[in-house]
Protein backbone atom coordinates (compact mmCIF):
# COMPACT_ATOMS: atom_id res chain seq x y z
CA MET A 1 33.80 13.55 -0.02
CA ASN A 2 32.18 10.59 -1.36
CA LYS A 3 29.02 8.64 -0.47
CA VAL A 4 28.01 5.10 -1.18
CA VAL A 5 24.26 3.87 -1.11
CA TYR A 6 23.09 0.41 -1.71
CA VAL A 7 19.47 -0.02 -2.97
CA ASN A 8 18.13 -3.67 -2.68
CA SER A 9 16.03 -4.94 -5.49
CA HIS A 10 12.99 -7.12 -4.60
CA PHE A 11 11.54 -10.05 -6.28
CA LYS A 12 8.19 -9.85 -8.47
CA PRO A 13 4.96 -10.76 -6.64
CA VAL A 14 3.19 -13.75 -8.32
CA GLY A 15 -0.30 -14.83 -8.07
CA GLN A 16 -3.44 -15.87 -10.01
CA ILE A 17 -6.98 -14.33 -10.83
CA ARG A 18 -9.59 -15.87 -8.32
CA LYS A 19 -13.38 -15.54 -8.45
CA PHE A 20 -15.09 -14.08 -5.50
CA LYS A 21 -18.89 -13.36 -4.82
CA VAL A 22 -19.58 -9.95 -3.54
CA PRO A 23 -22.95 -8.62 -2.30
CA THR A 24 -24.67 -6.16 -4.53
CA GLY A 25 -26.82 -4.53 -1.68
CA VAL A 26 -30.05 -5.60 -3.42
CA LYS A 27 -32.35 -8.32 -1.66
CA LYS A 28 -34.84 -10.34 -3.37
CA LYS A 29 -37.67 -12.21 -2.13
CA ILE A 30 -37.52 -16.15 -2.20
CA PHE A 31 -39.79 -18.71 -0.88
CA LEU A 32 -42.21 -18.10 2.00
CA GLY A 33 -41.29 -14.37 2.02
CA PHE A 34 -37.80 -14.64 3.09
CA GLU A 35 -35.28 -12.31 1.51
CA LYS A 36 -31.82 -13.39 0.03
CA GLU A 37 -28.79 -11.27 -0.50
CA VAL A 38 -28.19 -10.88 -4.33
CA MET A 39 -24.50 -11.79 -4.96
CA ARG A 40 -22.44 -10.94 -7.98
CA LYS A 41 -19.12 -12.68 -9.21
CA ILE A 42 -15.92 -10.84 -9.67
CA GLU A 43 -12.53 -11.80 -10.65
CA ARG A 44 -9.45 -10.24 -8.89
CA TRP A 45 -5.72 -10.90 -8.92
CA GLU A 46 -4.45 -12.25 -5.64
CA GLN A 47 -0.93 -12.62 -4.73
CA THR A 48 0.21 -15.87 -3.72
CA GLY A 49 4.05 -15.53 -3.15
CA TRP A 50 7.18 -13.94 -4.56
CA SER A 51 8.99 -15.08 -7.85
CA ASP A 52 12.29 -16.89 -7.09
CA CYS A 53 14.12 -15.62 -10.27
CA GLU A 54 12.42 -12.25 -11.55
CA ILE A 55 13.24 -9.05 -9.98
CA ASP A 56 10.55 -6.17 -9.83
CA GLY A 57 12.26 -3.75 -12.29
CA GLU A 58 9.64 -0.95 -12.04
CA ARG A 59 10.14 -1.08 -8.23
CA LEU A 60 13.85 -1.11 -8.34
CA ALA A 61 13.57 1.92 -10.72
CA ASN A 62 11.34 3.91 -8.13
CA ASP A 63 13.85 2.90 -5.26
CA ILE A 64 16.70 4.03 -7.32
CA GLU A 65 15.01 7.36 -8.33
CA GLN A 66 14.32 8.13 -4.47
CA ALA A 67 17.97 7.43 -3.31
CA ILE A 68 19.10 9.76 -6.16
CA ASN A 69 16.81 12.36 -5.14
CA LEU A 70 18.01 12.22 -1.45
CA LEU A 71 21.65 12.33 -2.49
CA ASN A 72 20.64 15.37 -4.67
CA GLU A 73 18.90 17.17 -1.67
CA GLU A 74 22.05 16.56 0.16
CA ASN A 75 23.97 18.26 -2.46
CA TYR A 76 25.67 15.00 -3.84
CA GLU A 77 26.28 14.34 -7.78
CA ILE A 78 26.15 10.73 -8.88
CA VAL A 79 29.45 9.61 -10.01
CA THR A 80 28.48 5.89 -10.97
CA ILE A 81 25.67 3.39 -10.60
CA SER A 82 26.76 -0.55 -10.77
CA GLU A 83 24.56 -3.42 -10.29
CA THR A 84 25.12 -6.50 -8.06
CA VAL A 85 24.41 -9.63 -9.58
CA SER A 86 23.39 -12.83 -7.90
CA GLY A 87 22.75 -16.47 -9.07
CA ASN A 88 20.93 -19.66 -8.22
CA TYR A 89 20.82 -23.10 -9.93
CA ASN A 90 19.31 -26.47 -9.62
CA TRP A 91 20.45 -29.91 -10.78
CA SER A 92 19.30 -33.48 -10.82
CA PHE A 93 21.00 -36.71 -11.38
CA LYS A 94 19.18 -40.03 -11.80
CA THR A 95 20.57 -43.58 -12.64
CA LYS A 96 18.77 -46.57 -14.11
CA ASP A 97 19.31 -50.05 -13.78
CA VAL A 98 22.59 -49.77 -12.13
CA ASN A 99 22.95 -53.67 -11.56
CA SER A 100 23.17 -54.46 -15.03
CA GLY A 101 25.61 -51.60 -16.09
CA GLY A 102 22.70 -49.33 -16.91
CA ALA A 103 22.88 -45.69 -17.70
CA GLY A 104 22.27 -42.25 -15.73
CA TYR A 105 20.87 -39.07 -16.91
CA GLY A 106 20.91 -35.74 -15.33
CA TYR A 107 20.05 -31.98 -16.06
CA GLY A 108 20.99 -28.75 -14.50
CA TYR A 109 20.12 -24.95 -14.97
CA GLY A 110 21.43 -21.86 -13.54
CA TYR A 111 20.47 -17.99 -13.90
CA SER A 112 21.43 -14.77 -12.58
CA TYR A 113 19.42 -11.63 -11.35
CA THR A 114 20.25 -8.02 -10.17
CA GLU A 115 20.43 -8.33 -6.29
CA GLY A 116 20.65 -4.52 -6.31
CA VAL A 117 22.65 -1.44 -7.12
CA THR A 118 25.29 0.59 -5.65
CA ILE A 119 25.31 4.47 -6.12
CA ILE A 120 28.47 6.37 -5.48
CA ALA A 121 28.12 9.94 -5.23
CA LYS A 122 30.41 12.92 -4.68
CA LYS A 123 29.68 15.97 -2.62
CA VAL A 124 29.33 18.98 -4.55
CA ASN A 125 30.63 22.33 -3.12
């Protein structure tokens, strides 16, 4: 008896380093005896979205490992693992001065990425 498991890949998170002010827990005296919280600046990476072209290979490897471990616990032996590849593209075309027989130009690009992997396993007696 065979079993087929599909493991989906996920895109990489993208972000940037942002600066934040955080309290230190120390207060200092200022004008007229008032107290002011002392702050310090820290830098921290913050996610702003997801990549549209790079997959998270480390997460995919961990997800594949978990799927294989579950299959092994159910007494299955891995026969094959194959990737599913998808693609995307973009293009643009523009013309200049069409009325006087002008020219046009364009560009295009495409890329592929691993959408996921299919694991085929066989039951071991």
